[in-house]
Protein backbone atom coordinates (compact mmCIF):
# COMPACT_ATOMS: atom_id res chain seq x y z
CA MET A 1 0.00 0.00 0.00
CA SER A 2 1.47 3.40 -0.99
CA SER A 3 2.05 6.13 1.62
CA GLU A 4 -0.63 8.36 0.03
CA LEU A 5 -3.27 5.60 0.11
CA LYS A 6 -2.31 4.69 3.65
CA LEU A 7 -2.75 8.33 4.73
CA LYS A 8 -6.21 8.48 3.09
CA VAL A 9 -7.33 5.30 4.88
CA GLU A 10 -6.05 6.56 8.23
CA ASN A 11 -7.74 9.91 7.60
CA GLU A 12 -11.12 8.21 7.00
CA GLN A 13 -10.64 6.17 10.15
CA LEU A 14 -9.88 9.37 12.05
CA LYS A 15 -13.02 11.01 10.70
CA GLU A 16 -15.10 8.01 11.83
CA LYS A 17 -13.61 8.24 15.33
CA LEU A 18 -14.31 11.97 15.28
CA ARG A 19 -18.00 11.33 14.51
CA LYS A 20 -18.22 8.83 17.36
CA LEU A 21 -16.52 11.28 19.70
CA GLU A 22 -18.92 14.06 18.74
CA THR A 23 -21.81 11.70 19.57
CA VAL A 24 -20.29 11.10 23.00
CA LEU A 25 -19.81 14.85 23.50
CA GLN A 26 -23.41 15.51 22.59
CA GLU A 27 -24.44 13.04 25.29
CA TYR A 28 -22.05 14.80 27.64
CA ARG A 29 -23.76 18.14 26.95
CA LYS A 30 -27.12 16.56 27.80
CA PHE A 31 -25.82 15.38 31.17
CA PRO A 32 -23.52 18.16 32.51
CA GLN A 33 -23.38 16.43 35.89
CA LEU A 34 -21.23 13.65 34.25
CA GLU A 35 -17.76 13.65 35.79
CA PHE A 36 -14.96 14.47 33.31
CA SER A 37 -12.81 11.77 34.92
CA VAL A 38 -14.95 9.16 33.14
CA PHE A 39 -14.48 10.92 29.80
CA SER A 40 -10.75 11.43 30.49
CA SER A 41 -10.23 7.72 31.06
CA MET A 42 -11.67 6.93 27.64
CA MET A 43 -9.46 9.51 25.92
CA ASP A 44 -6.32 8.33 27.71
CA GLU A 45 -6.80 4.93 26.12
CA SER A 46 -7.07 6.42 22.62
CA ARG A 47 -4.14 5.98 20.22
CA ILE A 48 -4.95 9.39 18.74
CA GLY A 49 -3.30 12.34 20.42
CA ILE A 50 -5.91 14.52 22.15
CA VAL A 51 -5.32 18.08 23.41
CA ILE A 52 -7.97 20.25 25.08
CA HIS A 53 -7.43 23.99 25.48
CA ASN A 54 -9.57 27.00 26.32
CA GLY A 55 -8.18 29.22 23.58
CA LYS A 56 -5.24 30.40 25.67
CA GLU A 57 -3.75 27.59 27.66
CA ILE A 58 -3.70 23.80 27.48
CA LEU A 59 -6.09 22.08 29.90
CA TYR A 60 -5.56 18.41 29.09
CA VAL A 61 -3.41 16.03 27.00
CA ASN A 62 -3.75 12.25 26.78
CA ASN A 63 -1.00 9.63 26.83
CA ALA A 64 -0.84 9.45 23.05
CA VAL A 65 0.35 13.08 22.97
CA LEU A 66 3.21 12.17 25.29
CA TYR A 67 4.20 9.34 22.95
CA LEU A 68 3.84 11.58 19.93
CA THR A 69 6.13 14.25 21.37
CA ASN A 70 8.58 11.99 23.26
CA ASN A 71 7.59 13.48 26.64
CA THR A 72 7.15 11.57 29.89
CA THR A 73 4.76 13.80 31.91
CA LYS A 74 1.59 15.72 31.09
CA GLU A 75 2.97 18.65 33.09
CA SER A 76 5.12 19.46 30.05
CA PHE A 77 1.88 20.67 28.39
CA VAL A 78 -0.92 21.29 30.91
CA GLY A 79 -1.05 24.93 31.97
CA LYS A 80 1.28 26.05 29.18
CA GLN A 81 0.31 28.72 26.68
CA ILE A 82 -0.84 27.57 23.25
CA LYS A 83 1.48 30.06 21.55
CA ASP A 84 4.47 28.20 23.03
CA PHE A 85 3.69 25.31 20.67
CA VAL A 86 2.82 27.32 17.57
CA PRO A 87 5.47 28.65 15.12
CA SER A 88 5.37 32.46 15.03
CA GLU A 89 4.46 32.49 11.33
CA MET A 90 1.38 30.34 12.11
CA GLU A 91 -0.02 32.34 15.07
CA LYS A 92 -2.47 34.45 13.06
CA LEU A 93 -3.92 31.40 11.31
CA VAL A 94 -4.24 29.50 14.62
CA TRP A 95 -6.22 32.34 16.24
CA GLU A 96 -8.54 32.44 13.23
CA ARG A 97 -9.24 28.72 13.67
CA ILE A 98 -9.85 29.15 17.41
CA ASN A 99 -12.43 31.82 16.62
CA LYS A 100 -14.15 29.42 14.19
CA LEU A 101 -14.25 26.79 16.91
CA LYS A 102 -15.85 29.30 19.29
CA GLU A 103 -18.52 29.77 16.61
CA GLY A 104 -19.16 26.02 16.69
CA ILE A 105 -17.37 25.26 13.38
CA SER A 106 -15.19 22.12 13.40
CA VAL A 107 -11.73 22.05 11.77
CA VAL A 108 -11.03 18.90 9.78
CA SER A 109 -7.78 17.36 8.47
CA LEU A 110 -5.28 20.22 8.64
CA GLU A 111 -1.61 19.42 8.18
CA GLU A 112 0.56 21.41 10.61
CA LYS A 113 4.02 21.50 12.15
CA LEU A 114 4.02 21.80 15.96
CA SER A 115 6.91 23.15 18.03
CA LEU A 116 7.87 20.93 21.00
CA PRO A 117 9.33 21.94 24.36
CA ASN A 118 12.62 20.22 23.50
CA GLY A 119 13.11 22.57 20.54
CA LYS A 120 12.18 19.99 17.89
CA SER A 121 9.05 19.90 15.76
CA VAL A 122 6.60 17.27 14.63
CA GLU A 123 4.29 17.19 11.59
CA VAL A 124 0.70 16.23 12.36
CA ILE A 125 -2.80 16.16 10.88
CA ILE A 126 -5.21 18.06 13.15
CA ASN A 127 -8.95 17.63 13.53
CA ALA A 128 -10.60 20.02 16.00
CA LEU A 129 -14.10 20.55 17.41
CA PRO A 130 -15.66 22.65 20.17
CA VAL A 131 -16.57 20.84 23.42
CA LEU A 132 -17.60 21.54 27.00
CA TYR A 133 -14.82 20.98 29.52
CA ASN A 134 -15.98 21.12 33.13
CA GLY A 135 -19.01 23.07 31.94
CA LYS A 136 -17.00 25.67 29.99
CA TRP A 137 -16.20 26.11 26.30
CA ALA A 138 -13.05 24.39 25.12
CA ALA A 139 -11.51 23.12 21.91
CA MET A 140 -10.47 19.50 21.52
CA LEU A 141 -7.67 18.76 19.05
CA MET A 142 -7.04 15.26 17.72
CA LEU A 143 -3.49 14.82 16.44
CA ARG A 144 -2.03 12.14 14.19
CA ASN A 145 1.70 12.01 13.54
CA ILE A 146 2.57 12.02 9.83
CA SER A 147 6.32 12.64 10.26
CA GLU A 148 6.97 8.91 10.33
CA GLY A 149 4.83 8.41 7.22
CA LYS A 150 6.72 11.12 5.36
CA LYS A 151 10.02 9.70 6.58
CA GLU A 152 8.95 6.27 5.35
CA LYS A 153 7.97 7.79 1.99
CA ARG A 154 11.36 9.53 1.66
CA GLU A 155 13.14 6.32 2.55
CA LYS A 156 11.10 4.42 -0.03
CA GLU A 157 11.91 7.04 -2.69
CA LEU A 158 15.59 6.85 -1.77
CA LEU A 159 15.46 3.07 -2.01
CA GLN A 160 13.90 3.32 -5.47
CA VAL A 161 16.74 5.60 -6.54
CA LEU A 162 19.39 3.22 -5.17
CA GLU A 163 17.75 0.28 -6.95
CA GLN A 164 18.05 2.11 -10.28
CA VAL A 165 21.65 3.28 -9.90
CA PRO A 166 23.83 1.66 -12.64
CA ALA A 167 26.47 0.69 -10.07
CA SER A 168 26.69 -1.72 -7.13
CA ILE A 169 25.66 -0.20 -3.78
CA ILE A 170 26.76 -1.99 -0.60
CA ILE A 171 25.83 -0.88 2.94
CA THR A 172 27.24 -2.70 5.97
CA ASP A 173 26.87 -2.26 9.72
CA SER A 174 29.75 -1.28 12.00
CA ARG A 175 30.98 -4.90 12.01
CA GLN A 176 31.01 -4.92 8.20
CA ASN A 177 28.08 -7.30 7.91
CA ILE A 178 26.18 -6.52 4.71
CA GLN A 179 22.76 -4.98 5.44
CA TYR A 180 21.80 -3.88 1.93
CA VAL A 181 22.88 -4.25 -1.69
CA ASN A 182 20.96 -2.97 -4.70
CA LYS A 183 19.65 -4.85 -7.74
CA HIS A 184 22.69 -4.00 -9.85
CA PHE A 185 24.91 -5.88 -7.40
CA TYR A 186 22.84 -9.06 -7.75
CA ASP A 187 22.71 -8.72 -11.55
CA LEU A 188 26.47 -8.21 -11.79
CA THR A 189 27.73 -10.81 -9.30
CA GLY A 190 25.10 -13.54 -9.71
CA TYR A 191 24.47 -13.83 -5.96
CA ASN A 192 20.99 -13.81 -4.41
CA PRO A 193 19.90 -11.92 -1.24
CA GLU A 194 20.03 -15.01 1.01
CA GLU A 195 23.72 -15.46 0.17
CA VAL A 196 24.67 -11.80 0.64
CA ILE A 197 22.72 -10.25 3.54
CA ASN A 198 24.66 -10.52 6.84
CA SER A 199 27.74 -11.85 5.03
CA LYS A 200 31.00 -9.93 4.64
CA PRO A 201 32.00 -7.93 1.53
CA SER A 202 34.78 -10.50 1.14
CA ILE A 203 32.16 -12.71 -0.54
CA ILE A 204 33.26 -11.06 -3.81
CA SER A 205 36.98 -10.96 -2.93
CA SER A 206 39.28 -12.06 -5.76
CA GLY A 207 41.99 -13.23 -3.32
CA ARG A 208 44.56 -11.01 -5.04
CA TYR A 209 45.00 -8.53 -2.19
CA ASP A 210 46.67 -9.10 1.17
CA LYS A 211 45.49 -8.04 4.64
CA LYS A 212 47.60 -4.87 4.53
CA PHE A 213 45.64 -3.67 1.51
CA TYR A 214 42.26 -3.99 3.28
CA LYS A 215 43.69 -2.63 6.55
CA LYS A 216 44.78 0.54 4.76
CA ILE A 217 41.26 0.97 3.33
CA PHE A 218 39.69 0.51 6.78
CA GLU A 219 42.07 3.00 8.42
CA THR A 220 41.30 5.55 5.71
CA VAL A 221 37.51 5.44 6.04
CA ILE A 222 37.33 5.34 9.87
CA SER A 223 39.47 8.50 9.88
CA GLY A 224 36.60 10.23 8.09
CA LYS A 225 38.20 10.21 4.65
CA THR A 226 36.85 8.61 1.49
CA TRP A 227 38.77 5.72 -0.07
CA GLU A 228 38.77 5.61 -3.86
CA GLY A 229 40.54 3.14 -6.12
CA GLN A 230 40.34 0.30 -8.60
CA MET A 231 39.89 -3.27 -7.45
CA ILE A 232 39.49 -6.65 -9.10
CA ASN A 233 36.69 -8.82 -7.62
CA ARG A 234 35.13 -12.19 -8.39
CA LYS A 235 31.57 -13.15 -9.35
CA LYS A 236 29.70 -16.14 -8.01
CA ASP A 237 30.65 -18.17 -11.12
CA GLY A 238 34.35 -17.47 -10.52
CA ARG A 239 34.84 -14.87 -13.26
CA PHE A 240 36.92 -11.84 -12.36
CA TYR A 241 35.86 -8.26 -13.04
CA TRP A 242 37.31 -4.79 -12.44
CA GLU A 243 35.54 -2.09 -10.42
CA GLU A 244 36.05 1.58 -9.59
CA VAL A 245 35.34 1.61 -5.84
CA VAL A 246 34.36 4.46 -3.47
CA ILE A 247 34.03 3.62 0.26
CA LYS A 248 32.81 6.00 2.98
CA ALA A 249 32.07 5.52 6.69
CA ILE A 250 28.81 6.84 8.17
CA PHE A 251 29.21 8.16 11.75
CA ASP A 252 26.62 8.43 14.54
CA LYS A 253 26.19 11.41 16.87
CA GLN A 254 28.99 10.14 19.10
CA GLY A 255 31.42 10.09 16.16
CA THR A 256 31.51 6.30 15.99
CA PRO A 257 31.22 4.53 12.60
CA SER A 258 27.73 3.02 12.47
CA HIS A 259 27.72 1.93 8.82
CA PHE A 260 29.97 1.70 5.78
CA PHE A 261 28.73 2.77 2.35
CA SER A 262 30.31 1.62 -0.91
CA ILE A 263 29.67 2.45 -4.58
CA GLN A 264 31.30 0.04 -7.04
CA THR A 265 31.24 0.71 -10.80
CA ASP A 266 32.06 -2.09 -13.23
CA ILE A 267 34.99 -0.95 -15.46
CA THR A 268 35.94 -4.36 -16.88
CA GLU A 269 35.30 -3.29 -20.49
CA LYS A 270 37.34 -0.13 -19.96
CA ILE A 271 40.28 -2.10 -18.49
CA ASN A 272 40.10 -4.65 -21.33
CA LEU A 273 40.07 -1.85 -23.91
CA ILE A 274 43.12 -0.23 -22.30
CA GLU A 275 44.91 -3.60 -22.35
CA ASP A 276 44.01 -4.13 -26.03
CA LEU A 277 45.35 -0.67 -26.84
CA ARG A 278 48.55 -1.39 -24.93
CA ILE A 279 49.12 -4.64 -26.85
CA ALA A 280 48.35 -2.92 -30.17
CA LYS A 281 50.82 -0.16 -29.30
CA GLU A 282 53.54 -2.69 -28.45
CA ASN A 283 52.93 -4.55 -31.73
CA LEU A 284 53.08 -1.30 -33.69
CA GLU A 285 56.29 -0.26 -31.95
CA LEU A 286 57.80 -3.68 -32.76
CA LYS A 287 56.87 -3.32 -36.44
CA VAL A 288 58.29 0.21 -36.54
CA ASN A 289 61.54 -0.98 -34.93
CA ASN A 290 61.82 -3.88 -37.38
CA ARG A 291 61.16 -1.56 -40.31
CA THR A 292 63.70 0.93 -39.00
CA GLU A 293 66.34 -1.79 -38.71
CA GLU A 294 65.55 -2.95 -42.25
CA LEU A 295 65.89 0.59 -43.59
CA GLU A 296 69.17 1.00 -41.73
CA ARG A 297 70.49 -2.20 -43.30
CA LYS A 298 69.47 -1.03 -46.78
CA THR A 299 70.99 2.37 -46.16
CA ILE A 300 74.29 0.76 -45.19
CA SER A 301 74.12 -1.42 -48.31
CA LEU A 302 73.50 1.59 -50.53
CA GLU A 303 76.31 3.52 -48.89
CA ARG A 304 78.67 0.64 -49.59
CA MET A 305 77.45 0.51 -53.20
CA GLN A 306 78.09 4.22 -53.55
CA GLU A 307 81.60 3.73 -52.18
CA ALA A 308 82.17 0.94 -54.70
CA MET A 309 80.93 3.15 -57.55
CA ALA A 310 83.19 5.96 -56.37
CA LEU A 311 86.13 3.56 -56.54
CA LEU A 312 85.02 2.48 -60.03
CA LEU A 313 84.87 6.11 -61.09
CA GLU A 314 88.36 6.72 -59.80
CA ASP A 315 89.54 3.62 -61.61
CA LEU A 316 87.79 4.81 -64.76
CA LYS A 317 89.45 8.19 -64.50
CA GLU A 318 92.82 6.51 -64.12
CA LYS A 319 92.12 4.39 -67.19
CA GLN A 320 90.99 7.48 -69.06
CA SER A 321 94.25 9.13 -68.12
CA SER A 322 96.09 6.07 -69.37
CA LEU A 323 94.11 6.22 -72.59
CA GLU A 324 94.99 9.83 -73.12
CA SER A 325 98.62 9.00 -72.49
CA ALA A 326 98.38 6.12 -74.93
CA ASN A 327 96.83 8.41 -77.50
CA ARG A 328 99.74 10.76 -77.23
CA GLN A 329 102.11 7.84 -77.54
CA LEU A 330 100.13 6.76 -80.60
CA GLU A 331 100.74 10.08 -82.28
CA ASP A 332 104.47 9.81 -81.52
CA ALA A 333 104.76 6.17 -82.60
CA VAL A 334 102.82 5.59 -85.81
CA SER A 335 105.42 3.01 -86.73
CA SER A 336 104.10 0.79 -83.92
CA HIS A 337 100.66 0.70 -85.58
CA GLU A 338 99.84 -2.98 -85.24
CA SER A 339 101.17 -3.27 -81.75
CA PHE A 340 99.39 -0.14 -80.64
CA SER A 341 96.10 -1.18 -82.28
CA TYR A 342 96.20 -4.49 -80.51
CA SER A 343 96.94 -2.74 -77.22
CA VAL A 344 94.12 -0.30 -77.66
CA SER A 345 91.64 -2.98 -78.71
CA HIS A 346 92.42 -5.48 -75.97
CA ASP A 347 93.96 -3.54 -73.10
CA LEU A 348 91.73 -0.46 -73.13
CA LYS A 349 88.42 -0.96 -74.91
CA LYS A 350 87.48 -4.31 -73.41
CA PRO A 351 87.92 -3.28 -69.72
CA VAL A 352 86.04 -0.02 -70.35
CA GLN A 353 83.26 -1.90 -72.19
CA ASN A 354 83.00 -4.29 -69.22
CA ILE A 355 82.68 -1.38 -66.84
CA TYR A 356 79.97 0.17 -68.99
CA ASP A 357 78.01 -3.09 -69.24
CA LEU A 358 78.27 -3.60 -65.49
CA MET A 359 76.91 -0.09 -64.88
CA ILE A 360 73.91 -0.81 -67.12
CA VAL A 361 73.07 -3.86 -64.99
CA LEU A 362 73.52 -1.90 -61.74
CA LYS A 363 71.35 0.91 -63.03
CA ASP A 364 68.52 -1.48 -63.93
CA TRP A 365 68.59 -3.08 -60.47
CA HIS A 366 69.45 -0.31 -58.01
CA TYR A 367 69.09 3.09 -59.64
CA ASN A 368 65.80 3.98 -57.85
CA GLN A 369 67.27 2.98 -54.47
CA LEU A 370 70.16 5.48 -54.74
CA ASP A 371 70.06 8.96 -53.33
CA ASP A 372 70.84 11.96 -55.51
CA ARG A 373 74.59 11.71 -54.96
CA GLY A 374 74.63 8.00 -55.85
CA LYS A 375 72.64 8.61 -59.03
CA GLU A 376 75.04 11.40 -60.02
CA LEU A 377 78.06 9.14 -59.56
CA MET A 378 76.48 6.34 -61.61
CA ASP A 379 75.59 8.72 -64.44
CA ASP A 380 79.16 10.12 -64.46
CA ILE A 381 80.63 6.63 -64.65
CA MET A 382 78.42 5.60 -67.56
CA TYR A 383 78.98 8.91 -69.37
CA ASN A 384 82.79 8.73 -69.11
CA ALA A 385 82.86 5.03 -69.95
CA LYS A 386 80.76 5.66 -73.08
CA ASN A 387 83.03 8.53 -74.15
CA MET A 388 86.11 6.36 -73.71
CA ILE A 389 84.56 3.60 -75.83
CA LEU A 390 83.74 6.11 -78.59
CA LEU A 391 87.20 7.57 -78.37
CA ILE A 392 88.82 4.13 -78.70
CA GLU A 393 86.62 3.28 -81.67
CA HIS A 394 87.62 6.55 -83.40
CA LEU A 395 91.24 5.80 -82.74
CA LEU A 396 90.93 2.34 -84.24
CA LYS A 397 89.43 3.82 -87.41
CA PHE A 398 92.49 5.93 -87.95
CA LEU A 399 95.02 3.21 -87.23
């Protein structure tokens, strides 16, 4: 039954009791010689708080009023001024209602907040009607406490909120016995209420943390601080899962921890994603390192090839110098025509032709792998080798 429906039912019941009480009062008016002690005894047994006042001061309260206000004696009320129990902002309205009662008009189902002698206040529903008290006019108030009902409603609303939170909520007593967990906890861990309530939070322990770890958490929260961190726990089926955990102690008026409150958010997917990214990063770094080493090896190979081509160029220049020297000797020794022709044909042209052919092969295979300097050297070698071959062929034509 909802709090609103419960209040309506109780209100109807109160109205019915009010009608019965009015009937009794009417009988009382018919027989003024009736002693009030008889009437008082009936009201003292009522579970509804009853207050009788004469418009200025309180004349009578029953036992239910004492229970309602946490007082032990009726002297806390009887003889006291009404204004002492009415908030200052409500005084004008209260006097207007008292005047209505003096006119014989009843007041039904008013929700008010009463000030108590101990400085606290209580919310009540008030029904009031005029009566005769010891032969004089008086007003009788019937009070029903609704503070507890509103408190219960607030607690129920809070519970509904906790049940819908997308994280595990755990509340334990001072001895760390679980008193409450929300629906998300059961859905996540696979446990049922019979297995969890009055057990320890260690029911979901993964076994991966030592006593020092939990001792540090306990020391943090009982000092009034909040502990926050990541923790790996275990479900009922044995599977592990990661949680972001916040733990706070709840203290009573004496400053002693009465409960411990924990919010635990499942971050397993987040942790797994971070791990996948870490592995992907390591694999990428490994590929980059391997590629870098491969490029370094090829660079060294190309550098060595360039050095070899530089040596070939130097050798070609030396041979070109020899050819030029031979050409001059040819001009000075025409008489050695056959010998010189043979020397030119076999000793000069063939080695140069071999160099040129080799450079063609190297160019086809490695030209695009060379840097600008390497390409320049290769082109120079081929150009000079070709010129030497042409020069030798021209010489042979004239010999």
